[in-house]
Amino acid sequence: FWDVYDQEAEEFDKSFVEKYLSDLDNKRIFQAGLFSAVSATFLGTMLPNLSLDPGDTTNALLMMIYHQLNNTAFPEQVPSLPSWDGPLWIIIWTQTLLYASLSASLLAALGAVLGKQW
C-alpha cells in the first residue's frame, strides 16, 4: 500500500511543481515587474506635485527685485512670495496608493522569485 502511495504522491508532486514553477516563471514575474515599472513611472511623474513650483518663487523674487529697482513698475500691487499650504489631499492619497501598490507588486515579484528558486 505504501509503495503505491509513495509512487502516486511523487508523480503528483512532480506535476504540481512543474505546473506552478512554469506559471511563476513566465506570468507572475513578468506581470509584477511590468506593473512595478508602470507604478514607478507614475510616481516619478507625480513627484513634483508634492512641492511648490520653484518657477513661481523665482518669478516672485524677480518681481520683488525689479520693484525695488523701479518703484513705478507695479504701482497697484505689492509683490510678495506666493503662499503654499502643501499638496492637495487627493495628491497625497494618490501617492500613498501608488506606493502601496508598488510595494505589493515588488513583494509579489520577490515571492515569485523565491518560490521559483525553492
PDB file of N, CA and C in Angstrom:
ATOM      1  N   PHE A   1       0.818  -1.195   0.000  1.00  0.00           N
ATOM      2  CA  PHE A   1       0.000   0.000   0.000  1.00  0.00           C
ATOM      3  C   PHE A   1       0.866   1.264   0.000  1.00  0.00           C
ATOM      4  N   TRP A   2       1.912   1.299   0.840  1.00  0.00           N
ATOM      5  CA  TRP A   2       2.751   2.496   0.957  1.00  0.00           C
ATOM      6  C   TRP A   2       3.612   2.724  -0.274  1.00  0.00           C
ATOM      7  N   ASP A   3       3.996   1.650  -0.907  1.00  0.00           N
ATOM      8  CA  ASP A   3       4.776   1.812  -2.134  1.00  0.00           C
ATOM      9  C   ASP A   3       3.947   2.472  -3.234  1.00  0.00           C
ATOM     10  N   VAL A   4       2.706   2.054  -3.370  1.00  0.00           N
ATOM     11  CA  VAL A   4       1.812   2.654  -4.369  1.00  0.00           C
ATOM     12  C   VAL A   4       1.534   4.112  -4.010  1.00  0.00           C
ATOM     13  N   TYR A   5       1.324   4.366  -2.712  1.00  0.00           N
ATOM     14  CA  TYR A   5       1.074   5.739  -2.253  1.00  0.00           C
ATOM     15  C   TYR A   5       2.278   6.637  -2.534  1.00  0.00           C
ATOM     16  N   ASP A   6       3.472   6.176  -2.222  1.00  0.00           N
ATOM     17  CA  ASP A   6       4.679   6.955  -2.476  1.00  0.00           C
ATOM     18  C   ASP A   6       4.844   7.264  -3.957  1.00  0.00           C
ATOM     19  N   GLN A   7       4.578   6.289  -4.785  1.00  0.00           N
ATOM     20  CA  GLN A   7       4.711   6.484  -6.224  1.00  0.00           C
ATOM     21  C   GLN A   7       3.691   7.510  -6.721  1.00  0.00           C
ATOM     22  N   GLU A   8       2.441   7.390  -6.300  1.00  0.00           N
ATOM     23  CA  GLU A   8       1.402   8.337  -6.721  1.00  0.00           C
ATOM     24  C   GLU A   8       1.673   9.745  -6.183  1.00  0.00           C
ATOM     25  N   ALA A   9       2.106   9.836  -4.931  1.00  0.00           N
ATOM     26  CA  ALA A   9       2.398  11.139  -4.340  1.00  0.00           C
ATOM     27  C   ALA A   9       3.579  11.805  -5.037  1.00  0.00           C
ATOM     28  N   GLU A  10       4.579  11.029  -5.399  1.00  0.00           N
ATOM     29  CA  GLU A  10       5.739  11.584  -6.095  1.00  0.00           C
ATOM     30  C   GLU A  10       5.358  12.087  -7.484  1.00  0.00           C
ATOM     31  N   GLU A  11       4.529  11.350  -8.195  1.00  0.00           N
ATOM     32  CA  GLU A  11       4.066  11.801  -9.512  1.00  0.00           C
ATOM     33  C   GLU A  11       3.229  13.073  -9.386  1.00  0.00           C
ATOM     34  N   PHE A  12       2.351  13.099  -8.387  1.00  0.00           N
ATOM     35  CA  PHE A  12       1.528  14.286  -8.180  1.00  0.00           C
ATOM     36  C   PHE A  12       2.392  15.493  -7.813  1.00  0.00           C
ATOM     37  N   ASP A  13       3.371  15.306  -6.936  1.00  0.00           N
ATOM     38  CA  ASP A  13       4.254  16.399  -6.538  1.00  0.00           C
ATOM     39  C   ASP A  13       5.046  16.941  -7.714  1.00  0.00           C
ATOM     40  N   LYS A  14       5.546  16.038  -8.559  1.00  0.00           N
ATOM     41  CA  LYS A  14       6.316  16.478  -9.718  1.00  0.00           C
ATOM     42  C   LYS A  14       5.448  17.290 -10.675  1.00  0.00           C
ATOM     43  N   SER A  15       4.244  16.820 -10.950  1.00  0.00           N
ATOM     44  CA  SER A  15       3.368  17.564 -11.865  1.00  0.00           C
ATOM     45  C   SER A  15       2.930  18.896 -11.243  1.00  0.00           C
ATOM     46  N   PHE A  16       2.693  18.902  -9.942  1.00  0.00           N
ATOM     47  CA  PHE A  16       2.309  20.126  -9.240  1.00  0.00           C
ATOM     48  C   PHE A  16       3.423  21.160  -9.293  1.00  0.00           C
ATOM     49  N   VAL A  17       4.642  20.737  -9.007  1.00  0.00           N
ATOM     50  CA  VAL A  17       5.787  21.650  -9.012  1.00  0.00           C
ATOM     51  C   VAL A  17       6.068  22.148 -10.422  1.00  0.00           C
ATOM     52  N   GLU A  18       6.001  21.276 -11.434  1.00  0.00           N
ATOM     53  CA  GLU A  18       6.235  21.710 -12.811  1.00  0.00           C
ATOM     54  C   GLU A  18       5.200  22.727 -13.264  1.00  0.00           C
ATOM     55  N   LYS A  19       3.948  22.488 -12.908  1.00  0.00           N
ATOM     56  CA  LYS A  19       2.870  23.385 -13.316  1.00  0.00           C
ATOM     57  C   LYS A  19       3.057  24.771 -12.703  1.00  0.00           C
ATOM     58  N   TYR A  20       3.270  24.834 -11.420  1.00  0.00           N
ATOM     59  CA  TYR A  20       3.363  26.137 -10.761  1.00  0.00           C
ATOM     60  C   TYR A  20       4.714  26.803 -10.954  1.00  0.00           C
ATOM     61  N   LEU A  21       5.742  26.028 -11.208  1.00  0.00           N
ATOM     62  CA  LEU A  21       7.049  26.617 -11.492  1.00  0.00           C
ATOM     63  C   LEU A  21       7.023  27.332 -12.837  1.00  0.00           C
ATOM     64  N   SER A  22       6.408  26.731 -13.831  1.00  0.00           N
ATOM     65  CA  SER A  22       6.311  27.392 -15.133  1.00  0.00           C
ATOM     66  C   SER A  22       5.375  28.591 -15.052  1.00  0.00           C
ATOM     67  N   ASP A  23       4.321  28.487 -14.245  1.00  0.00           N
ATOM     68  CA  ASP A  23       3.407  29.616 -14.068  1.00  0.00           C
ATOM     69  C   ASP A  23       4.120  30.779 -13.387  1.00  0.00           C
ATOM     70  N   LEU A  24       4.912  30.491 -12.371  1.00  0.00           N
ATOM     71  CA  LEU A  24       5.671  31.540 -11.691  1.00  0.00           C
ATOM     72  C   LEU A  24       6.730  32.128 -12.610  1.00  0.00           C
ATOM     73  N   ASP A  25       7.319  31.281 -13.414  1.00  0.00           N
ATOM     74  CA  ASP A  25       8.418  31.723 -14.270  1.00  0.00           C
ATOM     75  C   ASP A  25       7.952  32.745 -15.295  1.00  0.00           C
ATOM     76  N   ASN A  26       6.897  32.444 -15.996  1.00  0.00           N
ATOM     77  CA  ASN A  26       6.516  33.279 -17.117  1.00  0.00           C
ATOM     78  C   ASN A  26       5.575  34.416 -16.744  1.00  0.00           C
ATOM     79  N   LYS A  27       4.491  34.092 -16.110  1.00  0.00           N
ATOM     80  CA  LYS A  27       3.432  35.076 -15.952  1.00  0.00           C
ATOM     81  C   LYS A  27       3.641  36.008 -14.777  1.00  0.00           C
ATOM     82  N   ARG A  28       3.807  35.467 -13.604  1.00  0.00           N
ATOM     83  CA  ARG A  28       3.786  36.289 -12.394  1.00  0.00           C
ATOM     84  C   ARG A  28       4.969  37.256 -12.308  1.00  0.00           C
ATOM     85  N   ILE A  29       6.148  36.773 -12.621  1.00  0.00           N
ATOM     86  CA  ILE A  29       7.323  37.644 -12.527  1.00  0.00           C
ATOM     87  C   ILE A  29       7.238  38.754 -13.562  1.00  0.00           C
ATOM     88  N   PHE A  30       6.810  38.428 -14.773  1.00  0.00           N
ATOM     89  CA  PHE A  30       6.675  39.444 -15.810  1.00  0.00           C
ATOM     90  C   PHE A  30       5.606  40.467 -15.454  1.00  0.00           C
ATOM     91  N   GLN A  31       4.447  39.985 -14.986  1.00  0.00           N
ATOM     92  CA  GLN A  31       3.362  40.905 -14.639  1.00  0.00           C
ATOM     93  C   GLN A  31       3.746  41.801 -13.468  1.00  0.00           C
ATOM     94  N   ALA A  32       4.358  41.233 -12.458  1.00  0.00           N
ATOM     95  CA  ALA A  32       4.755  42.039 -11.305  1.00  0.00           C
ATOM     96  C   ALA A  32       5.829  43.044 -11.689  1.00  0.00           C
ATOM     97  N   GLY A  33       6.764  42.647 -12.517  1.00  0.00           N
ATOM     98  CA  GLY A  33       7.805  43.567 -12.958  1.00  0.00           C
ATOM     99  C   GLY A  33       7.248  44.678 -13.832  1.00  0.00           C
ATOM    100  N   LEU A  34       6.336  44.345 -14.731  1.00  0.00           N
ATOM    101  CA  LEU A  34       5.725  45.354 -15.591  1.00  0.00           C
ATOM    102  C   LEU A  34       4.882  46.327 -14.780  1.00  0.00           C
ATOM    103  N   PHE A  35       4.092  45.815 -13.849  1.00  0.00           N
ATOM    104  CA  PHE A  35       3.271  46.691 -13.020  1.00  0.00           C
ATOM    105  C   PHE A  35       4.140  47.571 -12.133  1.00  0.00           C
ATOM    106  N   SER A  36       5.249  47.038 -11.634  1.00  0.00           N
ATOM    107  CA  SER A  36       6.166  47.848 -10.824  1.00  0.00           C
ATOM    108  C   SER A  36       6.771  48.973 -11.647  1.00  0.00           C
ATOM    109  N   ALA A  37       7.120  48.690 -12.881  1.00  0.00           N
ATOM    110  CA  ALA A  37       7.685  49.733 -13.742  1.00  0.00           C
ATOM    111  C   ALA A  37       6.662  50.824 -14.035  1.00  0.00           C
ATOM    112  N   VAL A  38       5.426  50.441 -14.290  1.00  0.00           N
ATOM    113  CA  VAL A  38       4.377  51.428 -14.560  1.00  0.00           C
ATOM    114  C   VAL A  38       4.092  52.256 -13.313  1.00  0.00           C
ATOM    115  N   SER A  39       4.008  51.609 -12.150  1.00  0.00           N
ATOM    116  CA  SER A  39       3.758  52.333 -10.903  1.00  0.00           C
ATOM    117  C   SER A  39       4.897  53.297 -10.597  1.00  0.00           C
ATOM    118  N   ALA A  40       6.122  52.861 -10.800  1.00  0.00           N
ATOM    119  CA  ALA A  40       7.266  53.736 -10.545  1.00  0.00           C
ATOM    120  C   ALA A  40       7.271  54.921 -11.502  1.00  0.00           C
ATOM    121  N   THR A  41       6.832  54.718 -12.735  1.00  0.00           N
ATOM    122  CA  THR A  41       6.753  55.822 -13.687  1.00  0.00           C
ATOM    123  C   THR A  41       5.715  56.840 -13.253  1.00  0.00           C
ATOM    124  N   PHE A  42       4.542  56.370 -12.824  1.00  0.00           N
ATOM    125  CA  PHE A  42       3.525  57.286 -12.338  1.00  0.00           C
ATOM    126  C   PHE A  42       3.994  58.040 -11.104  1.00  0.00           C
ATOM    127  N   LEU A  43       4.683  57.346 -10.211  1.00  0.00           N
ATOM    128  CA  LEU A  43       5.199  58.016  -9.018  1.00  0.00           C
ATOM    129  C   LEU A  43       6.230  59.076  -9.388  1.00  0.00           C
ATOM    130  N   GLY A  44       7.053  58.789 -10.353  1.00  0.00           N
ATOM    131  CA  GLY A  44       8.058  59.760 -10.779  1.00  0.00           C
ATOM    132  C   GLY A  44       7.452  60.988 -11.422  1.00  0.00           C
ATOM    133  N   THR A  45       6.363  60.795 -12.167  1.00  0.00           N
ATOM    134  CA  THR A  45       5.731  61.953 -12.807  1.00  0.00           C
ATOM    135  C   THR A  45       4.905  62.771 -11.819  1.00  0.00           C
ATOM    136  N   MET A  46       4.449  62.159 -10.741  1.00  0.00           N
ATOM    137  CA  MET A  46       3.652  62.887  -9.753  1.00  0.00           C
ATOM    138  C   MET A  46       4.492  63.499  -8.641  1.00  0.00           C
ATOM    139  N   LEU A  47       5.758  63.204  -8.594  1.00  0.00           N
ATOM    140  CA  LEU A  47       6.617  63.708  -7.520  1.00  0.00           C
ATOM    141  C   LEU A  47       6.700  65.237  -7.466  1.00  0.00           C
ATOM    142  N   PRO A  48       6.772  65.950  -8.587  1.00  0.00           N
ATOM    143  CA  PRO A  48       6.828  67.419  -8.493  1.00  0.00           C
ATOM    144  C   PRO A  48       5.568  68.046  -7.896  1.00  0.00           C
ATOM    145  N   ASN A  49       4.440  67.329  -7.880  1.00  0.00           N
ATOM    146  CA  ASN A  49       3.211  67.877  -7.313  1.00  0.00           C
ATOM    147  C   ASN A  49       3.262  67.970  -5.798  1.00  0.00           C
ATOM    148  N   LEU A  50       4.255  67.365  -5.173  1.00  0.00           N
ATOM    149  CA  LEU A  50       4.337  67.373  -3.715  1.00  0.00           C
ATOM    150  C   LEU A  50       5.037  68.606  -3.170  1.00  0.00           C
ATOM    151  N   SER A  51       5.607  69.436  -4.022  1.00  0.00           N
ATOM    152  CA  SER A  51       6.313  70.627  -3.548  1.00  0.00           C
ATOM    153  C   SER A  51       5.878  71.837  -4.370  1.00  0.00           C
ATOM    154  N   LEU A  52       6.225  72.997  -3.853  1.00  0.00           N
ATOM    155  CA  LEU A  52       5.905  74.258  -4.521  1.00  0.00           C
ATOM    156  C   LEU A  52       6.697  74.375  -5.818  1.00  0.00           C
ATOM    157  N   ASP A  53       6.065  74.945  -6.832  1.00  0.00           N
ATOM    158  CA  ASP A  53       6.736  75.141  -8.111  1.00  0.00           C
ATOM    159  C   ASP A  53       7.843  76.178  -7.940  1.00  0.00           C
ATOM    160  N   PRO A  54       9.111  75.799  -8.173  1.00  0.00           N
ATOM    161  CA  PRO A  54      10.195  76.763  -7.986  1.00  0.00           C
ATOM    162  C   PRO A  54      10.132  77.932  -8.962  1.00  0.00           C
ATOM    163  N   GLY A  55       9.463  77.764 -10.083  1.00  0.00           N
ATOM    164  CA  GLY A  55       9.319  78.850 -11.039  1.00  0.00           C
ATOM    165  C   GLY A  55       8.482  80.000 -10.479  1.00  0.00           C
ATOM    166  N   ASP A  56       7.440  79.656  -9.692  1.00  0.00           N
ATOM    167  CA  ASP A  56       6.619  80.709  -9.086  1.00  0.00           C
ATOM    168  C   ASP A  56       7.426  81.527  -8.091  1.00  0.00           C
ATOM    169  N   THR A  57       8.233  80.852  -7.293  1.00  0.00           N
ATOM    170  CA  THR A  57       9.068  81.561  -6.318  1.00  0.00           C
ATOM    171  C   THR A  57      10.098  82.438  -7.025  1.00  0.00           C
ATOM    172  N   THR A  58      10.709  81.924  -8.064  1.00  0.00           N
ATOM    173  CA  THR A  58      11.697  82.698  -8.818  1.00  0.00           C
ATOM    174  C   THR A  58      11.065  83.931  -9.445  1.00  0.00           C
ATOM    175  N   ASN A  59       9.884  83.747 -10.040  1.00  0.00           N
ATOM    176  CA  ASN A  59       9.198  84.890 -10.653  1.00  0.00           C
ATOM    177  C   ASN A  59       8.833  85.943  -9.619  1.00  0.00           C
ATOM    178  N   ALA A  60       8.362  85.517  -8.446  1.00  0.00           N
ATOM    179  CA  ALA A  60       8.009  86.477  -7.397  1.00  0.00           C
ATOM    180  C   ALA A  60       9.245  87.218  -6.899  1.00  0.00           C
ATOM    181  N   LEU A  61      10.362  86.497  -6.737  1.00  0.00           N
ATOM    182  CA  LEU A  61      11.587  87.164  -6.292  1.00  0.00           C
ATOM    183  C   LEU A  61      12.105  88.150  -7.332  1.00  0.00           C
ATOM    184  N   LEU A  62      12.045  87.780  -8.597  1.00  0.00           N
ATOM    185  CA  LEU A  62      12.457  88.713  -9.655  1.00  0.00           C
ATOM    186  C   LEU A  62      11.554  89.939  -9.696  1.00  0.00           C
ATOM    187  N   MET A  63      10.284  89.731  -9.471  1.00  0.00           N
ATOM    188  CA  MET A  63       9.360  90.848  -9.438  1.00  0.00           C
ATOM    189  C   MET A  63       9.654  91.776  -8.256  1.00  0.00           C
ATOM    190  N   MET A  64      10.014  91.198  -7.107  1.00  0.00           N
ATOM    191  CA  MET A  64      10.372  91.996  -5.931  1.00  0.00           C
ATOM    192  C   MET A  64      11.653  92.795  -6.186  1.00  0.00           C
ATOM    193  N   ILE A  65      12.630  92.165  -6.837  1.00  0.00           N
ATOM    194  CA  ILE A  65      13.884  92.866  -7.147  1.00  0.00           C
ATOM    195  C   ILE A  65      13.616  94.020  -8.118  1.00  0.00           C
ATOM    196  N   TYR A  66      12.816  93.749  -9.126  1.00  0.00           N
ATOM    197  CA  TYR A  66      12.503  94.784 -10.105  1.00  0.00           C
ATOM    198  C   TYR A  66      11.722  95.928  -9.455  1.00  0.00           C
ATOM    199  N   HIS A  67      10.836  95.574  -8.531  1.00  0.00           N
ATOM    200  CA  HIS A  67      10.066  96.597  -7.823  1.00  0.00           C
ATOM    201  C   HIS A  67      10.993  97.453  -6.955  1.00  0.00           C
ATOM    202  N   GLN A  68      12.004  96.852  -6.353  1.00  0.00           N
ATOM    203  CA  GLN A  68      12.955  97.617  -5.556  1.00  0.00           C
ATOM    204  C   GLN A  68      13.769  98.578  -6.424  1.00  0.00           C
ATOM    205  N   LEU A  69      14.101  98.141  -7.620  1.00  0.00           N
ATOM    206  CA  LEU A  69      14.884  98.994  -8.507  1.00  0.00           C
ATOM    207  C   LEU A  69      14.035 100.089  -9.155  1.00  0.00           C
ATOM    208  N   ASN A  70      12.785  99.783  -9.410  1.00  0.00           N
ATOM    209  CA  ASN A  70      11.903 100.731 -10.081  1.00  0.00           C
ATOM    210  C   ASN A  70      10.543 100.690  -9.388  1.00  0.00           C
ATOM    211  N   ASN A  71      10.286 101.605  -8.477  1.00  0.00           N
ATOM    212  CA  ASN A  71       9.051 101.599  -7.698  1.00  0.00           C
ATOM    213  C   ASN A  71       7.817 101.904  -8.533  1.00  0.00           C
ATOM    214  N   THR A  72       7.965 102.462  -9.691  1.00  0.00           N
ATOM    215  CA  THR A  72       6.815 102.789 -10.524  1.00  0.00           C
ATOM    216  C   THR A  72       6.407 101.639 -11.440  1.00  0.00           C
ATOM    217  N   ALA A  73       7.106 100.527 -11.378  1.00  0.00           N
ATOM    218  CA  ALA A  73       6.824  99.407 -12.282  1.00  0.00           C
ATOM    219  C   ALA A  73       5.483  98.758 -11.981  1.00  0.00           C
ATOM    220  N   PHE A  74       5.177  98.548 -10.732  1.00  0.00           N
ATOM    221  CA  PHE A  74       3.919  97.927 -10.331  1.00  0.00           C
ATOM    222  C   PHE A  74       3.247  98.827  -9.285  1.00  0.00           C
ATOM    223  N   PRO A  75       2.612  99.900  -9.697  1.00  0.00           N
ATOM    224  CA  PRO A  75       2.103 100.856  -8.716  1.00  0.00           C
ATOM    225  C   PRO A  75       0.932 100.321  -7.891  1.00  0.00           C
ATOM    226  N   GLU A  76       0.076  99.468  -8.440  1.00  0.00           N
ATOM    227  CA  GLU A  76      -1.099  98.983  -7.711  1.00  0.00           C
ATOM    228  C   GLU A  76      -0.816  97.803  -6.795  1.00  0.00           C
ATOM    229  N   GLN A  77       0.168  97.032  -7.099  1.00  0.00           N
ATOM    230  CA  GLN A  77       0.378  95.791  -6.343  1.00  0.00           C
ATOM    231  C   GLN A  77       1.717  95.789  -5.622  1.00  0.00           C
ATOM    232  N   VAL A  78       1.706  95.123  -4.479  1.00  0.00           N
ATOM    233  CA  VAL A  78       2.925  94.942  -3.706  1.00  0.00           C
ATOM    234  C   VAL A  78       3.378  93.505  -3.927  1.00  0.00           C
ATOM    235  N   PRO A  79       4.536  93.331  -4.521  1.00  0.00           N
ATOM    236  CA  PRO A  79       4.975  91.947  -4.777  1.00  0.00           C
ATOM    237  C   PRO A  79       5.304  91.221  -3.477  1.00  0.00           C
ATOM    238  N   SER A  80       4.893  89.956  -3.435  1.00  0.00           N
ATOM    239  CA  SER A  80       5.187  89.121  -2.275  1.00  0.00           C
ATOM    240  C   SER A  80       5.411  87.689  -2.745  1.00  0.00           C
ATOM    241  N   LEU A  81       5.986  86.898  -1.854  1.00  0.00           N
ATOM    242  CA  LEU A  81       6.222  85.490  -2.178  1.00  0.00           C
ATOM    243  C   LEU A  81       4.898  84.729  -2.185  1.00  0.00           C
ATOM    244  N   PRO A  82       4.746  83.779  -3.082  1.00  0.00           N
ATOM    245  CA  PRO A  82       3.491  83.022  -3.116  1.00  0.00           C
ATOM    246  C   PRO A  82       3.360  82.135  -1.873  1.00  0.00           C
ATOM    247  N   SER A  83       2.144  82.070  -1.360  1.00  0.00           N
ATOM    248  CA  SER A  83       1.908  81.197  -0.198  1.00  0.00           C
ATOM    249  C   SER A  83       1.537  79.802  -0.696  1.00  0.00           C
ATOM    250  N   TRP A  84       1.918  78.826   0.082  1.00  0.00           N
ATOM    251  CA  TRP A  84       1.636  77.442  -0.289  1.00  0.00           C
ATOM    252  C   TRP A  84       1.344  76.662   0.968  1.00  0.00           C
ATOM    253  N   ASP A  85       0.218  75.986   0.998  1.00  0.00           N
ATOM    254  CA  ASP A  85      -0.208  75.229   2.176  1.00  0.00           C
ATOM    255  C   ASP A  85       0.098  73.746   2.073  1.00  0.00           C
ATOM    256  N   GLY A  86       0.831  73.356   1.093  1.00  0.00           N
ATOM    257  CA  GLY A  86       1.161  71.949   0.909  1.00  0.00           C
ATOM    258  C   GLY A  86       0.364  71.358  -0.243  1.00  0.00           C
ATOM    259  N   PRO A  87       0.620  70.114  -0.560  1.00  0.00           N
ATOM    260  CA  PRO A  87      -0.093  69.491  -1.685  1.00  0.00           C
ATOM    261  C   PRO A  87      -1.557  69.224  -1.328  1.00  0.00           C
ATOM    262  N   LEU A  88      -2.362  69.053  -2.356  1.00  0.00           N
ATOM    263  CA  LEU A  88      -3.766  68.730  -2.153  1.00  0.00           C
ATOM    264  C   LEU A  88      -3.903  67.343  -1.538  1.00  0.00           C
ATOM    265  N   TRP A  89      -4.994  67.131  -0.842  1.00  0.00           N
ATOM    266  CA  TRP A  89      -5.190  65.830  -0.179  1.00  0.00           C
ATOM    267  C   TRP A  89      -5.323  64.703  -1.194  1.00  0.00           C
ATOM    268  N   ILE A  90      -5.878  64.979  -2.357  1.00  0.00           N
ATOM    269  CA  ILE A  90      -6.041  63.924  -3.364  1.00  0.00           C
ATOM    270  C   ILE A  90      -4.687  63.482  -3.911  1.00  0.00           C
ATOM    271  N   ILE A  91      -3.742  64.402  -3.994  1.00  0.00           N
ATOM    272  CA  ILE A  91      -2.398  64.042  -4.452  1.00  0.00           C
ATOM    273  C   ILE A  91      -1.716  63.154  -3.423  1.00  0.00           C
ATOM    274  N   ILE A  92      -1.889  63.480  -2.151  1.00  0.00           N
ATOM    275  CA  ILE A  92      -1.288  62.657  -1.089  1.00  0.00           C
ATOM    276  C   ILE A  92      -1.893  61.261  -1.081  1.00  0.00           C
ATOM    277  N   TRP A  93      -3.218  61.159  -1.224  1.00  0.00           N
ATOM    278  CA  TRP A  93      -3.866  59.845  -1.244  1.00  0.00           C
ATOM    279  C   TRP A  93      -3.446  59.037  -2.472  1.00  0.00           C
ATOM    280  N   THR A  94      -3.355  59.708  -3.611  1.00  0.00           N
ATOM    281  CA  THR A  94      -2.940  59.004  -4.826  1.00  0.00           C
ATOM    282  C   THR A  94      -1.511  58.491  -4.694  1.00  0.00           C
ATOM    283  N   GLN A  95      -0.626  59.323  -4.164  1.00  0.00           N
ATOM    284  CA  GLN A  95       0.763  58.896  -3.944  1.00  0.00           C
ATOM    285  C   GLN A  95       0.817  57.717  -2.963  1.00  0.00           C
ATOM    286  N   THR A  96       0.020  57.786  -1.912  1.00  0.00           N
ATOM    287  CA  THR A  96       0.003  56.701  -0.925  1.00  0.00           C
ATOM    288  C   THR A  96      -0.443  55.392  -1.559  1.00  0.00           C
ATOM    289  N   LEU A  97      -1.513  55.444  -2.352  1.00  0.00           N
ATOM    290  CA  LEU A  97      -1.995  54.220  -3.005  1.00  0.00           C
ATOM    291  C   LEU A  97      -0.991  53.697  -4.038  1.00  0.00           C
ATOM    292  N   LEU A  98      -0.347  54.601  -4.753  1.00  0.00           N
ATOM    293  CA  LEU A  98       0.659  54.153  -5.723  1.00  0.00           C
ATOM    294  C   LEU A  98       1.860  53.513  -5.031  1.00  0.00           C
ATOM    295  N   TYR A  99       2.305  54.090  -3.906  1.00  0.00           N
ATOM    296  CA  TYR A  99       3.413  53.476  -3.175  1.00  0.00           C
ATOM    297  C   TYR A  99       2.999  52.125  -2.589  1.00  0.00           C
ATOM    298  N   ALA A 100       1.761  52.018  -2.117  1.00  0.00           N
ATOM    299  CA  ALA A 100       1.288  50.735  -1.588  1.00  0.00           C
ATOM    300  C   ALA A 100       1.222  49.684  -2.694  1.00  0.00           C
ATOM    301  N   SER A 101       0.725  50.066  -3.873  1.00  0.00           N
ATOM    302  CA  SER A 101       0.645  49.093  -4.964  1.00  0.00           C
ATOM    303  C   SER A 101       2.034  48.715  -5.471  1.00  0.00           C
ATOM    304  N   LEU A 102       2.960  49.677  -5.482  1.00  0.00           N
ATOM    305  CA  LEU A 102       4.332  49.366  -5.874  1.00  0.00           C
ATOM    306  C   LEU A 102       4.970  48.398  -4.884  1.00  0.00           C
ATOM    307  N   SER A 103       4.757  48.626  -3.608  1.00  0.00           N
ATOM    308  CA  SER A 103       5.307  47.721  -2.595  1.00  0.00           C
ATOM    309  C   SER A 103       4.707  46.327  -2.718  1.00  0.00           C
ATOM    310  N   ALA A 104       3.397  46.261  -2.934  1.00  0.00           N
ATOM    311  CA  ALA A 104       2.743  44.949  -3.068  1.00  0.00           C
ATOM    312  C   ALA A 104       3.227  44.206  -4.308  1.00  0.00           C
ATOM    313  N   SER A 105       3.406  44.912  -5.424  1.00  0.00           N
ATOM    314  CA  SER A 105       3.853  44.224  -6.632  1.00  0.00           C
ATOM    315  C   SER A 105       5.307  43.778  -6.516  1.00  0.00           C
ATOM    316  N   LEU A 106       6.146  44.584  -5.866  1.00  0.00           N
ATOM    317  CA  LEU A 106       7.527  44.148  -5.658  1.00  0.00           C
ATOM    318  C   LEU A 106       7.594  42.969  -4.698  1.00  0.00           C
ATOM    319  N   LEU A 107       6.730  42.968  -3.702  1.00  0.00           N
ATOM    320  CA  LEU A 107       6.674  41.832  -2.782  1.00  0.00           C
ATOM    321  C   LEU A 107       6.185  40.577  -3.500  1.00  0.00           C
ATOM    322  N   ALA A 108       5.221  40.743  -4.398  1.00  0.00           N
ATOM    323  CA  ALA A 108       4.742  39.597  -5.182  1.00  0.00           C
ATOM    324  C   ALA A 108       5.834  39.068  -6.103  1.00  0.00           C
ATOM    325  N   ALA A 109       6.595  39.968  -6.722  1.00  0.00           N
ATOM    326  CA  ALA A 109       7.697  39.527  -7.580  1.00  0.00           C
ATOM    327  C   ALA A 109       8.764  38.810  -6.773  1.00  0.00           C
ATOM    328  N   LEU A 110       9.055  39.334  -5.577  1.00  0.00           N
ATOM    329  CA  LEU A 110      10.025  38.669  -4.707  1.00  0.00           C
ATOM    330  C   LEU A 110       9.533  37.286  -4.302  1.00  0.00           C
ATOM    331  N   GLY A 111       8.250  37.184  -3.947  1.00  0.00           N
ATOM    332  CA  GLY A 111       7.688  35.887  -3.593  1.00  0.00           C
ATOM    333  C   GLY A 111       7.728  34.906  -4.762  1.00  0.00           C
ATOM    334  N   ALA A 112       7.483  35.403  -5.972  1.00  0.00           N
ATOM    335  CA  ALA A 112       7.529  34.525  -7.147  1.00  0.00           C
ATOM    336  C   ALA A 112       8.951  34.047  -7.409  1.00  0.00           C
ATOM    337  N   VAL A 113       9.922  34.935  -7.277  1.00  0.00           N
ATOM    338  CA  VAL A 113      11.325  34.536  -7.496  1.00  0.00           C
ATOM    339  C   VAL A 113      11.761  33.550  -6.420  1.00  0.00           C
ATOM    340  N   LEU A 114      11.407  33.816  -5.167  1.00  0.00           N
ATOM    341  CA  LEU A 114      11.771  32.878  -4.105  1.00  0.00           C
ATOM    342  C   LEU A 114      11.079  31.545  -4.261  1.00  0.00           C
ATOM    343  N   GLY A 115       9.801  31.588  -4.692  1.00  0.00           N
ATOM    344  CA  GLY A 115       9.081  30.332  -4.920  1.00  0.00           C
ATOM    345  C   GLY A 115       9.669  29.544  -6.082  1.00  0.00           C
ATOM    346  N   LYS A 116      10.149  30.238  -7.087  1.00  0.00           N
ATOM    347  CA  LYS A 116      10.779  29.571  -8.234  1.00  0.00           C
ATOM    348  C   LYS A 116      12.098  28.925  -7.837  1.00  0.00           C
ATOM    349  N   GLN A 117      12.851  29.604  -6.987  1.00  0.00           N
ATOM    350  CA  GLN A 117      14.136  29.051  -6.586  1.00  0.00           C
ATOM    351  C   GLN A 117      13.989  27.939  -5.557  1.00  0.00           C
ATOM    352  N   TRP A 118      12.897  27.905  -4.881  1.00  0.00           N
ATOM    353  CA  TRP A 118      12.702  26.883  -3.854  1.00  0.00           C
ATOM    354  C   TRP A 118      12.418  25.580  -4.534  1.00  0.00           C
TER     355      TRP A 118
END
